[in-house]
Amino acid sequence: MTKTEDWRPMNAAPRDGSRILAVVHRSEQWPAEVELVRWGTPRHEAEACWYTADSGPSSTVVFSEGELACWMPLPRPPPGL
């Protein structure tokens, strides 16, 4: 089970292209949610940014710095898998 203290501030998130879990702030339309993201320069973007790690080449979902609240590393797979 994930504990609140497992979440870390976004300014401490790795910007090396590794995949992480990040919380997207809630909005008027949507509740807060967790996304699998990475830092990098996706196709069709001019600068590096946070984007969903499962984005396709023609449908990249990009997040601004202020949209992501906090992050945590991915859990390790269970032993033997």
C-alpha atoms as a PDB file:
ATOM      1  CA  MET A   1       0.000   0.000   0.000  1.00  0.00           C
ATOM      2  CA  THR A   2       1.295   3.464  -0.862  1.00  0.00           C
ATOM      3  CA  LYS A   3       1.766   5.865   2.010  1.00  0.00           C
ATOM      4  CA  THR A   4       1.414   9.624   1.729  1.00  0.00           C
ATOM      5  CA  GLU A   5       5.059  10.092   2.704  1.00  0.00           C
ATOM      6  CA  ASP A   6       6.167   7.985  -0.299  1.00  0.00           C
ATOM      7  CA  TRP A   7       5.256  10.891  -2.594  1.00  0.00           C
ATOM      8  CA  ARG A   8       8.043  13.402  -3.266  1.00  0.00           C
ATOM      9  CA  PRO A   9       8.042  17.000  -4.587  1.00  0.00           C
ATOM     10  CA  MET A  10       8.287  17.327  -8.379  1.00  0.00           C
ATOM     11  CA  ASN A  11      11.446  19.438  -8.152  1.00  0.00           C
ATOM     12  CA  ALA A  12      13.202  16.269  -6.925  1.00  0.00           C
ATOM     13  CA  ALA A  13      11.968  14.084  -9.813  1.00  0.00           C
ATOM     14  CA  PRO A  14      14.577  12.511 -12.102  1.00  0.00           C
ATOM     15  CA  ARG A  15      14.937  14.185 -15.481  1.00  0.00           C
ATOM     16  CA  ASP A  16      16.886  11.374 -17.101  1.00  0.00           C
ATOM     17  CA  GLY A  17      14.034   9.846 -19.128  1.00  0.00           C
ATOM     18  CA  SER A  18      13.161   7.207 -16.549  1.00  0.00           C
ATOM     19  CA  ARG A  19       9.484   6.436 -16.022  1.00  0.00           C
ATOM     20  CA  ILE A  20       7.915   7.578 -12.748  1.00  0.00           C
ATOM     21  CA  LEU A  21       4.460   7.878 -11.226  1.00  0.00           C
ATOM     22  CA  ALA A  22       3.195  11.447 -10.900  1.00  0.00           C
ATOM     23  CA  VAL A  23       0.009  12.959  -9.510  1.00  0.00           C
ATOM     24  CA  VAL A  24      -1.785  15.360 -11.825  1.00  0.00           C
ATOM     25  CA  HIS A  25      -3.539  18.136  -9.868  1.00  0.00           C
ATOM     26  CA  ARG A  26      -7.317  17.997  -9.881  1.00  0.00           C
ATOM     27  CA  SER A  27      -9.128  20.506 -12.049  1.00  0.00           C
ATOM     28  CA  GLU A  28     -12.688  21.744 -12.348  1.00  0.00           C
ATOM     29  CA  GLN A  29     -13.354  18.923 -14.827  1.00  0.00           C
ATOM     30  CA  TRP A  30     -11.328  16.016 -13.354  1.00  0.00           C
ATOM     31  CA  PRO A  31     -10.250  14.649  -9.970  1.00  0.00           C
ATOM     32  CA  ALA A  32      -6.543  14.239  -9.196  1.00  0.00           C
ATOM     33  CA  GLU A  33      -5.082  11.141 -10.858  1.00  0.00           C
ATOM     34  CA  VAL A  34      -1.841   9.223 -11.127  1.00  0.00           C
ATOM     35  CA  GLU A  35      -0.045   9.055 -14.488  1.00  0.00           C
ATOM     36  CA  LEU A  36       3.028   7.197 -15.719  1.00  0.00           C
ATOM     37  CA  VAL A  37       5.311   9.996 -16.988  1.00  0.00           C
ATOM     38  CA  ARG A  38       8.866  10.714 -18.076  1.00  0.00           C
ATOM     39  CA  TRP A  39      10.984  13.801 -18.777  1.00  0.00           C
ATOM     40  CA  GLY A  40      12.221  14.262 -22.311  1.00  0.00           C
ATOM     41  CA  THR A  41      11.562  15.824 -25.673  1.00  0.00           C
ATOM     42  CA  PRO A  42       8.729  13.949 -27.347  1.00  0.00           C
ATOM     43  CA  ARG A  43       8.233  14.018 -31.076  1.00  0.00           C
ATOM     44  CA  HIS A  44       6.575  17.256 -32.260  1.00  0.00           C
ATOM     45  CA  GLU A  45       7.771  19.219 -29.207  1.00  0.00           C
ATOM     46  CA  ALA A  46      10.541  21.827 -29.265  1.00  0.00           C
ATOM     47  CA  GLU A  47      11.632  21.545 -25.639  1.00  0.00           C
ATOM     48  CA  ALA A  48      11.926  18.905 -22.963  1.00  0.00           C
ATOM     49  CA  CYS A  49       8.844  18.466 -20.779  1.00  0.00           C
ATOM     50  CA  TRP A  50       6.923  15.952 -18.685  1.00  0.00           C
ATOM     51  CA  TYR A  51       4.786  13.675 -20.866  1.00  0.00           C
ATOM     52  CA  THR A  52       2.930  10.410 -20.499  1.00  0.00           C
ATOM     53  CA  ALA A  53       5.244   7.462 -20.882  1.00  0.00           C
ATOM     54  CA  ASP A  54       2.623   5.568 -22.882  1.00  0.00           C
ATOM     55  CA  SER A  55       2.025   8.362 -25.422  1.00  0.00           C
ATOM     56  CA  GLY A  56       2.010   7.386 -29.044  1.00  0.00           C
ATOM     57  CA  PRO A  57       4.027   9.261 -31.680  1.00  0.00           C
ATOM     58  CA  SER A  58       0.957  11.145 -32.902  1.00  0.00           C
ATOM     59  CA  SER A  59      -0.858  11.595 -29.595  1.00  0.00           C
ATOM     60  CA  THR A  60       1.586  12.825 -26.961  1.00  0.00           C
ATOM     61  CA  VAL A  61       0.055  14.061 -23.695  1.00  0.00           C
ATOM     62  CA  VAL A  62       2.276  16.829 -22.303  1.00  0.00           C
ATOM     63  CA  PHE A  63       2.105  18.322 -18.793  1.00  0.00           C
ATOM     64  CA  SER A  64       3.237  21.753 -17.678  1.00  0.00           C
ATOM     65  CA  GLU A  65       5.359  21.980 -14.532  1.00  0.00           C
ATOM     66  CA  GLY A  66       2.382  23.250 -12.524  1.00  0.00           C
ATOM     67  CA  GLU A  67       0.070  20.394 -13.519  1.00  0.00           C
ATOM     68  CA  LEU A  68       2.054  17.735 -11.643  1.00  0.00           C
ATOM     69  CA  ALA A  69       1.824  17.771  -7.854  1.00  0.00           C
ATOM     70  CA  CYS A  70       4.282  15.083  -6.719  1.00  0.00           C
ATOM     71  CA  TRP A  71       6.012  11.889  -7.810  1.00  0.00           C
ATOM     72  CA  MET A  72       7.332   8.501  -6.699  1.00  0.00           C
ATOM     73  CA  PRO A  73       9.499   5.829  -8.315  1.00  0.00           C
ATOM     74  CA  LEU A  74       7.845   2.821  -9.876  1.00  0.00           C
ATOM     75  CA  PRO A  75       7.620  -0.201  -7.562  1.00  0.00           C
ATOM     76  CA  ARG A  76       9.815  -3.179  -8.356  1.00  0.00           C
ATOM     77  CA  PRO A  77       8.118  -6.201  -9.949  1.00  0.00           C
ATOM     78  CA  PRO A  78       7.462  -9.165  -7.633  1.00  0.00           C
ATOM     79  CA  PRO A  79      10.339 -11.664  -7.352  1.00  0.00           C
ATOM     80  CA  GLY A  80      10.314 -14.386  -9.967  1.00  0.00           C
ATOM     81  CA  LEU A  81       8.554 -12.404 -12.697  1.00  0.00           C
END
